[in-house]
Amino acid sequence: MSGSDDPDNGGDGGTITVTKTKPRVKRPSLYRVLLLNDDYTPMEFVIHVVERFFHKSREDATRIMLHVHHHGVGECGVFTYEVAETKVTQVMDFARKHQHPLQCVMEKK
């Protein structure tokens, strides 16, 4: 049987091209986790929160705390929705437990 008559080869003796389409995977939306300034939460507590929940170095945590202090808001990190939501809850619970009014929010990037 020659290649031109073989139905498995397309029947025309030519080359068969198989195209695979990759399914498009949508990247998850990202959220910024922000700390808001207040007049009551001690700076040292804010540094501790940033180190503990966002795994920042002392230097980075201090820089973030100062940004919150001077600008009213500071970004602690960017995460998927579930991670951001968990971090906000952890920070808020921790602040309440220690009787501080520190506010932590998330905003879509």
N, C-alpha and C. Protein backbone atom coordinates (compact mmCIF):
# COMPACT_ATOMS: atom_id res chain seq x y z
N MET A 1 0.84 -1.17 0.00
CA MET A 1 0.00 0.00 0.00
C MET A 1 0.89 1.23 0.00
N SER A 2 0.62 2.15 -0.88
CA SER A 2 1.43 3.36 -0.93
C SER A 2 0.87 4.41 0.00
N GLY A 3 1.69 5.42 0.36
CA GLY A 3 1.33 6.48 1.29
C GLY A 3 0.15 7.31 0.81
N SER A 4 -0.03 7.42 -0.52
CA SER A 4 -1.10 8.27 -1.03
C SER A 4 -2.47 7.63 -0.88
N ASP A 5 -2.51 6.29 -0.77
CA ASP A 5 -3.80 5.62 -0.65
C ASP A 5 -4.17 5.32 0.80
N ASP A 6 -3.25 5.51 1.72
CA ASP A 6 -3.46 5.14 3.11
C ASP A 6 -4.33 6.17 3.81
N PRO A 7 -5.56 5.80 4.21
CA PRO A 7 -6.44 6.77 4.86
C PRO A 7 -5.88 7.28 6.19
N ASP A 8 -5.02 6.49 6.84
CA ASP A 8 -4.42 6.94 8.09
C ASP A 8 -3.39 8.03 7.88
N ASN A 9 -2.92 8.20 6.67
CA ASN A 9 -1.95 9.25 6.35
C ASN A 9 -2.62 10.45 5.69
N GLY A 10 -3.93 10.53 5.78
CA GLY A 10 -4.62 11.67 5.19
C GLY A 10 -5.05 11.41 3.77
N GLY A 11 -4.61 10.30 3.16
CA GLY A 11 -5.05 9.92 1.84
C GLY A 11 -4.45 10.72 0.72
N ASP A 12 -3.69 11.77 1.00
CA ASP A 12 -3.14 12.58 -0.09
C ASP A 12 -1.63 12.48 -0.16
N GLY A 13 -1.04 11.62 0.65
CA GLY A 13 0.40 11.45 0.63
C GLY A 13 1.13 12.57 1.33
N GLY A 14 0.41 13.56 1.88
CA GLY A 14 1.01 14.70 2.55
C GLY A 14 1.28 14.41 4.02
N THR A 15 1.67 15.42 4.71
CA THR A 15 1.98 15.30 6.13
C THR A 15 0.77 15.71 6.96
N ILE A 16 0.52 15.00 8.01
CA ILE A 16 -0.57 15.34 8.92
C ILE A 16 -0.01 16.21 10.03
N THR A 17 -0.68 17.30 10.30
CA THR A 17 -0.26 18.18 11.40
C THR A 17 -1.31 18.08 12.50
N VAL A 18 -0.85 17.72 13.69
CA VAL A 18 -1.74 17.64 14.83
C VAL A 18 -1.48 18.87 15.70
N THR A 19 -2.52 19.62 15.94
CA THR A 19 -2.38 20.82 16.75
C THR A 19 -3.02 20.57 18.11
N LYS A 20 -2.23 20.76 19.13
CA LYS A 20 -2.76 20.65 20.48
C LYS A 20 -2.99 22.05 21.00
N THR A 21 -4.17 22.29 21.52
CA THR A 21 -4.43 23.60 22.11
C THR A 21 -4.32 23.47 23.61
N LYS A 22 -3.54 24.38 24.19
CA LYS A 22 -3.40 24.40 25.64
C LYS A 22 -4.59 25.13 26.21
N PRO A 23 -5.19 24.57 27.25
CA PRO A 23 -6.28 25.32 27.88
C PRO A 23 -5.71 26.57 28.55
N ARG A 24 -6.41 27.67 28.38
CA ARG A 24 -5.94 28.91 28.99
C ARG A 24 -6.28 28.89 30.47
N VAL A 25 -5.26 29.05 31.27
CA VAL A 25 -5.45 29.07 32.71
C VAL A 25 -5.44 30.52 33.16
N LYS A 26 -6.54 30.93 33.77
CA LYS A 26 -6.63 32.32 34.24
C LYS A 26 -5.84 32.45 35.54
N ARG A 27 -4.97 33.43 35.58
CA ARG A 27 -4.22 33.68 36.81
C ARG A 27 -5.17 34.18 37.88
N PRO A 28 -4.95 33.76 39.13
CA PRO A 28 -5.84 34.25 40.19
C PRO A 28 -5.62 35.74 40.43
N SER A 29 -6.68 36.41 40.81
CA SER A 29 -6.58 37.84 41.13
C SER A 29 -5.70 38.00 42.37
N LEU A 30 -4.96 39.09 42.38
CA LEU A 30 -4.08 39.37 43.51
C LEU A 30 -4.63 40.52 44.34
N TYR A 31 -4.34 40.46 45.63
CA TYR A 31 -4.84 41.46 46.58
C TYR A 31 -3.70 41.99 47.42
N ARG A 32 -3.69 43.31 47.61
CA ARG A 32 -2.72 43.97 48.48
C ARG A 32 -3.26 43.92 49.90
N VAL A 33 -2.41 43.56 50.84
CA VAL A 33 -2.80 43.59 52.24
C VAL A 33 -2.18 44.85 52.84
N LEU A 34 -3.04 45.70 53.42
CA LEU A 34 -2.62 47.01 53.87
C LEU A 34 -2.87 47.18 55.37
N LEU A 35 -1.97 47.89 56.01
CA LEU A 35 -2.17 48.31 57.40
C LEU A 35 -2.53 49.78 57.38
N LEU A 36 -3.48 50.16 58.24
CA LEU A 36 -3.92 51.55 58.31
C LEU A 36 -3.41 52.18 59.60
N ASN A 37 -3.02 53.43 59.51
CA ASN A 37 -2.49 54.14 60.67
C ASN A 37 -3.61 54.49 61.65
N ASP A 38 -3.26 54.51 62.92
CA ASP A 38 -4.15 55.03 63.95
C ASP A 38 -3.28 55.72 64.99
N ASP A 39 -3.89 56.42 65.91
CA ASP A 39 -3.13 57.19 66.89
C ASP A 39 -2.83 56.42 68.18
N TYR A 40 -3.18 55.15 68.22
CA TYR A 40 -3.08 54.41 69.48
C TYR A 40 -2.18 53.19 69.45
N THR A 41 -2.12 52.48 68.32
CA THR A 41 -1.31 51.26 68.26
C THR A 41 0.17 51.62 68.31
N PRO A 42 0.92 51.04 69.26
CA PRO A 42 2.35 51.34 69.36
C PRO A 42 3.13 50.88 68.10
N MET A 43 4.12 51.67 67.74
CA MET A 43 4.94 51.34 66.57
C MET A 43 5.58 49.96 66.71
N GLU A 44 6.04 49.65 67.92
CA GLU A 44 6.69 48.36 68.15
C GLU A 44 5.74 47.19 67.89
N PHE A 45 4.47 47.38 68.22
CA PHE A 45 3.47 46.34 67.99
C PHE A 45 3.28 46.13 66.48
N VAL A 46 3.23 47.21 65.73
CA VAL A 46 3.07 47.13 64.27
C VAL A 46 4.26 46.40 63.66
N ILE A 47 5.45 46.71 64.11
CA ILE A 47 6.65 46.02 63.62
C ILE A 47 6.54 44.52 63.91
N HIS A 48 6.12 44.19 65.12
CA HIS A 48 5.96 42.78 65.50
C HIS A 48 4.95 42.07 64.60
N VAL A 49 3.84 42.72 64.31
CA VAL A 49 2.80 42.15 63.45
C VAL A 49 3.36 41.88 62.05
N VAL A 50 4.07 42.85 61.51
CA VAL A 50 4.62 42.70 60.15
C VAL A 50 5.65 41.57 60.11
N GLU A 51 6.48 41.48 61.12
CA GLU A 51 7.47 40.39 61.19
C GLU A 51 6.78 39.04 61.30
N ARG A 52 5.80 38.96 62.20
CA ARG A 52 5.15 37.68 62.51
C ARG A 52 4.25 37.16 61.39
N PHE A 53 3.40 38.01 60.85
CA PHE A 53 2.40 37.55 59.89
C PHE A 53 2.81 37.69 58.42
N PHE A 54 3.81 38.53 58.17
CA PHE A 54 4.24 38.74 56.78
C PHE A 54 5.69 38.31 56.57
N HIS A 55 6.30 37.77 57.60
CA HIS A 55 7.64 37.20 57.55
C HIS A 55 8.68 38.16 56.97
N LYS A 56 8.58 39.41 57.42
CA LYS A 56 9.54 40.43 56.99
C LYS A 56 10.67 40.54 58.01
N SER A 57 11.81 40.98 57.54
CA SER A 57 12.94 41.22 58.44
C SER A 57 12.61 42.42 59.33
N ARG A 58 13.37 42.57 60.37
CA ARG A 58 13.17 43.71 61.28
C ARG A 58 13.27 45.03 60.50
N GLU A 59 14.25 45.10 59.62
CA GLU A 59 14.47 46.32 58.83
C GLU A 59 13.28 46.60 57.91
N ASP A 60 12.79 45.58 57.20
CA ASP A 60 11.64 45.77 56.30
C ASP A 60 10.38 46.10 57.10
N ALA A 61 10.20 45.43 58.23
CA ALA A 61 9.02 45.69 59.07
C ALA A 61 9.02 47.12 59.59
N THR A 62 10.20 47.60 59.96
CA THR A 62 10.32 48.99 60.45
C THR A 62 10.01 49.96 59.31
N ARG A 63 10.52 49.67 58.13
CA ARG A 63 10.26 50.53 56.96
C ARG A 63 8.76 50.59 56.66
N ILE A 64 8.08 49.44 56.70
CA ILE A 64 6.64 49.40 56.45
C ILE A 64 5.89 50.18 57.53
N MET A 65 6.27 49.96 58.78
CA MET A 65 5.62 50.67 59.90
C MET A 65 5.76 52.19 59.73
N LEU A 66 6.95 52.64 59.37
CA LEU A 66 7.18 54.08 59.19
C LEU A 66 6.35 54.63 58.02
N HIS A 67 6.20 53.83 56.98
CA HIS A 67 5.39 54.24 55.84
C HIS A 67 3.93 54.39 56.29
N VAL A 68 3.44 53.43 57.07
CA VAL A 68 2.08 53.52 57.62
C VAL A 68 1.95 54.77 58.48
N HIS A 69 2.93 55.01 59.32
CA HIS A 69 2.92 56.15 60.24
C HIS A 69 2.89 57.49 59.50
N HIS A 70 3.69 57.61 58.46
CA HIS A 70 3.82 58.89 57.75
C HIS A 70 2.77 59.09 56.64
N HIS A 71 2.30 58.00 56.04
CA HIS A 71 1.39 58.12 54.89
C HIS A 71 -0.02 57.63 55.17
N GLY A 72 -0.24 57.07 56.36
CA GLY A 72 -1.58 56.63 56.72
C GLY A 72 -1.92 55.21 56.33
N VAL A 73 -1.12 54.64 55.44
CA VAL A 73 -1.37 53.28 54.96
C VAL A 73 -0.06 52.69 54.45
N GLY A 74 0.09 51.38 54.59
CA GLY A 74 1.30 50.73 54.09
C GLY A 74 1.00 49.31 53.64
N GLU A 75 1.65 48.90 52.57
CA GLU A 75 1.44 47.56 52.00
C GLU A 75 2.38 46.55 52.65
N CYS A 76 1.79 45.46 53.12
CA CYS A 76 2.58 44.39 53.74
C CYS A 76 2.90 43.26 52.77
N GLY A 77 2.13 43.16 51.70
CA GLY A 77 2.37 42.11 50.73
C GLY A 77 1.21 41.99 49.75
N VAL A 78 1.43 41.18 48.72
CA VAL A 78 0.42 40.93 47.69
C VAL A 78 0.21 39.42 47.62
N PHE A 79 -1.06 39.01 47.70
CA PHE A 79 -1.37 37.59 47.82
C PHE A 79 -2.63 37.25 47.02
N THR A 80 -2.87 35.95 46.85
CA THR A 80 -4.14 35.52 46.28
C THR A 80 -5.24 35.84 47.30
N TYR A 81 -6.48 35.78 46.86
CA TYR A 81 -7.60 36.17 47.71
C TYR A 81 -7.60 35.43 49.04
N GLU A 82 -7.49 34.11 48.99
CA GLU A 82 -7.59 33.30 50.20
C GLU A 82 -6.47 33.62 51.19
N VAL A 83 -5.26 33.77 50.68
CA VAL A 83 -4.12 34.07 51.55
C VAL A 83 -4.28 35.47 52.15
N ALA A 84 -4.66 36.43 51.32
CA ALA A 84 -4.85 37.81 51.81
C ALA A 84 -5.93 37.85 52.88
N GLU A 85 -7.03 37.17 52.63
CA GLU A 85 -8.13 37.15 53.60
C GLU A 85 -7.68 36.54 54.93
N THR A 86 -6.91 35.47 54.86
CA THR A 86 -6.40 34.82 56.07
C THR A 86 -5.48 35.77 56.84
N LYS A 87 -4.59 36.45 56.14
CA LYS A 87 -3.65 37.36 56.80
C LYS A 87 -4.39 38.51 57.47
N VAL A 88 -5.38 39.08 56.79
CA VAL A 88 -6.18 40.17 57.37
C VAL A 88 -6.84 39.69 58.66
N THR A 89 -7.45 38.51 58.62
CA THR A 89 -8.12 37.95 59.80
C THR A 89 -7.14 37.71 60.94
N GLN A 90 -5.99 37.16 60.62
CA GLN A 90 -4.98 36.89 61.64
C GLN A 90 -4.51 38.18 62.31
N VAL A 91 -4.23 39.19 61.51
CA VAL A 91 -3.75 40.47 62.05
C VAL A 91 -4.83 41.12 62.92
N MET A 92 -6.05 41.14 62.41
CA MET A 92 -7.14 41.77 63.16
C MET A 92 -7.40 41.05 64.48
N ASP A 93 -7.40 39.73 64.45
CA ASP A 93 -7.61 38.94 65.68
C ASP A 93 -6.49 39.19 66.69
N PHE A 94 -5.26 39.22 66.19
CA PHE A 94 -4.09 39.44 67.04
C PHE A 94 -4.14 40.83 67.68
N ALA A 95 -4.51 41.83 66.88
CA ALA A 95 -4.59 43.20 67.39
C ALA A 95 -5.68 43.32 68.46
N ARG A 96 -6.83 42.72 68.20
CA ARG A 96 -7.93 42.77 69.19
C ARG A 96 -7.52 42.07 70.48
N LYS A 97 -6.88 40.92 70.32
CA LYS A 97 -6.44 40.14 71.49
C LYS A 97 -5.52 40.97 72.38
N HIS A 98 -4.73 41.84 71.74
CA HIS A 98 -3.80 42.70 72.49
C HIS A 98 -4.37 44.10 72.71
N GLN A 99 -5.66 44.25 72.46
CA GLN A 99 -6.40 45.48 72.71
C GLN A 99 -5.84 46.70 71.98
N HIS A 100 -5.51 46.48 70.70
CA HIS A 100 -5.06 47.58 69.85
C HIS A 100 -6.07 47.75 68.71
N PRO A 101 -6.31 49.00 68.31
CA PRO A 101 -7.29 49.27 67.24
C PRO A 101 -6.71 49.14 65.82
N LEU A 102 -5.57 48.52 65.67
CA LEU A 102 -4.92 48.38 64.36
C LEU A 102 -5.89 47.80 63.34
N GLN A 103 -5.94 48.43 62.17
CA GLN A 103 -6.80 47.96 61.09
C GLN A 103 -5.96 47.39 59.95
N CYS A 104 -6.40 46.26 59.45
CA CYS A 104 -5.75 45.59 58.32
C CYS A 104 -6.82 45.30 57.29
N VAL A 105 -6.57 45.68 56.05
CA VAL A 105 -7.56 45.50 54.99
C VAL A 105 -6.89 44.92 53.75
N MET A 106 -7.71 44.45 52.83
CA MET A 106 -7.18 43.98 51.55
C MET A 106 -7.89 44.73 50.43
N GLU A 107 -7.14 44.92 49.34
CA GLU A 107 -7.68 45.65 48.20
C GLU A 107 -7.18 44.97 46.94
N LYS A 108 -8.07 44.83 45.96
CA LYS A 108 -7.69 44.18 44.71
C LYS A 108 -6.62 44.99 44.01
N LYS A 109 -5.62 44.29 43.52
CA LYS A 109 -4.48 44.96 42.87
C LYS A 109 -4.83 45.38 41.48
